[in-house]
Amino acid sequence: NNDTVEVFVEDGVYFVEGMYVRKIVGSTNFDDYESLQYFQRALSKSGIIEMLEEKGIKEGDTVHMYGVEFDYIK
């Protein structure tokens, strides 16, 4: 549910927060390829990628979600 997702930018870093985000980050094994694929699909299907793009994210920008950081790649 995107009603509980918030995207904001601080010092050039895109922060994504909310109960749904906490849930998918907590359930993802970032060392496992299939789990990482699930995480990427969940971000797309939930509209989080679209929300980041609406905030102006560009390829190579940093995204932070509950202790996990990665570079945005379209």
C-alpha atoms as a PDB file:
ATOM      1  CA  ASN A   1       0.000   0.000   0.000  1.00  0.00           C
ATOM      2  CA  ASN A   2       1.694   3.202  -1.182  1.00  0.00           C
ATOM      3  CA  ASP A   3      -0.301   5.287   1.313  1.00  0.00           C
ATOM      4  CA  THR A   4       2.334   4.321   3.891  1.00  0.00           C
ATOM      5  CA  VAL A   5       5.375   5.007   1.684  1.00  0.00           C
ATOM      6  CA  GLU A   6       7.243   8.302   1.885  1.00  0.00           C
ATOM      7  CA  VAL A   7      10.030   9.401  -0.460  1.00  0.00           C
ATOM      8  CA  PHE A   8      12.181  12.401   0.385  1.00  0.00           C
ATOM      9  CA  VAL A   9      15.589  13.757  -0.621  1.00  0.00           C
ATOM     10  CA  GLU A  10      18.250  14.806   1.865  1.00  0.00           C
ATOM     11  CA  ASP A  11      21.740  15.907   0.784  1.00  0.00           C
ATOM     12  CA  GLY A  12      21.251  14.249  -2.612  1.00  0.00           C
ATOM     13  CA  VAL A  13      20.219  10.877  -1.127  1.00  0.00           C
ATOM     14  CA  TYR A  14      16.723   9.539  -1.804  1.00  0.00           C
ATOM     15  CA  PHE A  15      15.163   8.077   1.339  1.00  0.00           C
ATOM     16  CA  VAL A  16      12.227   5.691   1.090  1.00  0.00           C
ATOM     17  CA  GLU A  17      10.348   4.922   4.294  1.00  0.00           C
ATOM     18  CA  GLY A  18       7.145   3.272   5.433  1.00  0.00           C
ATOM     19  CA  MET A  19       5.831   0.023   6.829  1.00  0.00           C
ATOM     20  CA  TYR A  20       5.688  -1.653   3.407  1.00  0.00           C
ATOM     21  CA  VAL A  21       9.296  -0.683   2.687  1.00  0.00           C
ATOM     22  CA  ARG A  22      10.437  -1.931   6.095  1.00  0.00           C
ATOM     23  CA  LYS A  23       8.673  -5.242   5.374  1.00  0.00           C
ATOM     24  CA  ILE A  24      10.248  -5.860   1.958  1.00  0.00           C
ATOM     25  CA  VAL A  25      13.735  -4.794   3.118  1.00  0.00           C
ATOM     26  CA  GLY A  26      13.425  -7.084   6.148  1.00  0.00           C
ATOM     27  CA  SER A  27      12.298 -10.041   4.060  1.00  0.00           C
ATOM     28  CA  THR A  28      14.990  -9.699   1.376  1.00  0.00           C
ATOM     29  CA  ASN A  29      18.283 -11.585   1.419  1.00  0.00           C
ATOM     30  CA  PHE A  30      20.480  -9.179  -0.530  1.00  0.00           C
ATOM     31  CA  ASP A  31      23.155 -11.862  -0.981  1.00  0.00           C
ATOM     32  CA  ASP A  32      20.707 -14.098  -2.865  1.00  0.00           C
ATOM     33  CA  TYR A  33      20.043 -13.356  -6.553  1.00  0.00           C
ATOM     34  CA  GLU A  34      16.402 -14.562  -6.560  1.00  0.00           C
ATOM     35  CA  SER A  35      15.596 -12.631  -3.389  1.00  0.00           C
ATOM     36  CA  LEU A  36      17.145  -9.507  -4.882  1.00  0.00           C
ATOM     37  CA  GLN A  37      15.037 -10.002  -8.028  1.00  0.00           C
ATOM     38  CA  TYR A  38      11.927 -10.202  -5.824  1.00  0.00           C
ATOM     39  CA  PHE A  39      12.950  -6.942  -4.111  1.00  0.00           C
ATOM     40  CA  GLN A  40      13.360  -5.176  -7.453  1.00  0.00           C
ATOM     41  CA  ARG A  41       9.962  -6.430  -8.700  1.00  0.00           C
ATOM     42  CA  ALA A  42       8.305  -5.354  -5.440  1.00  0.00           C
ATOM     43  CA  LEU A  43       9.708  -1.818  -5.792  1.00  0.00           C
ATOM     44  CA  SER A  44       8.402  -1.595  -9.325  1.00  0.00           C
ATOM     45  CA  LYS A  45       4.966  -3.156  -8.737  1.00  0.00           C
ATOM     46  CA  SER A  46       4.308  -1.080  -5.621  1.00  0.00           C
ATOM     47  CA  GLY A  47       4.962   2.195  -7.437  1.00  0.00           C
ATOM     48  CA  ILE A  48       8.067   3.078  -5.431  1.00  0.00           C
ATOM     49  CA  ILE A  49      10.212   3.374  -8.569  1.00  0.00           C
ATOM     50  CA  GLU A  50       7.625   5.747 -10.026  1.00  0.00           C
ATOM     51  CA  MET A  51       7.614   7.784  -6.803  1.00  0.00           C
ATOM     52  CA  LEU A  52      11.425   8.076  -6.937  1.00  0.00           C
ATOM     53  CA  GLU A  53      11.249   9.230 -10.553  1.00  0.00           C
ATOM     54  CA  GLU A  54       8.602  11.815  -9.662  1.00  0.00           C
ATOM     55  CA  LYS A  55      11.043  13.178  -7.052  1.00  0.00           C
ATOM     56  CA  GLY A  56      13.661  13.567  -9.789  1.00  0.00           C
ATOM     57  CA  ILE A  57      15.965  10.604  -9.234  1.00  0.00           C
ATOM     58  CA  LYS A  58      18.574  10.028 -11.937  1.00  0.00           C
ATOM     59  CA  GLU A  59      20.679   6.986 -12.759  1.00  0.00           C
ATOM     60  CA  GLY A  60      23.551   6.677 -10.289  1.00  0.00           C
ATOM     61  CA  ASP A  61      21.761   8.552  -7.463  1.00  0.00           C
ATOM     62  CA  THR A  62      21.806   6.876  -4.046  1.00  0.00           C
ATOM     63  CA  VAL A  63      18.681   5.343  -2.514  1.00  0.00           C
ATOM     64  CA  HIS A  64      18.502   4.563   1.215  1.00  0.00           C
ATOM     65  CA  MET A  65      15.929   2.191   2.713  1.00  0.00           C
ATOM     66  CA  TYR A  66      16.270   1.163   6.355  1.00  0.00           C
ATOM     67  CA  GLY A  67      20.012   0.548   6.387  1.00  0.00           C
ATOM     68  CA  VAL A  68      20.248  -0.590   2.768  1.00  0.00           C
ATOM     69  CA  GLU A  69      21.842   1.744   0.227  1.00  0.00           C
ATOM     70  CA  PHE A  70      22.109   1.227  -3.509  1.00  0.00           C
ATOM     71  CA  ASP A  71      22.614   3.247  -6.664  1.00  0.00           C
ATOM     72  CA  TYR A  72      19.529   3.779  -8.801  1.00  0.00           C
ATOM     73  CA  ILE A  73      19.803   2.052 -12.175  1.00  0.00           C
ATOM     74  CA  LYS A  74      16.959   2.371 -14.673  1.00  0.00           C
END
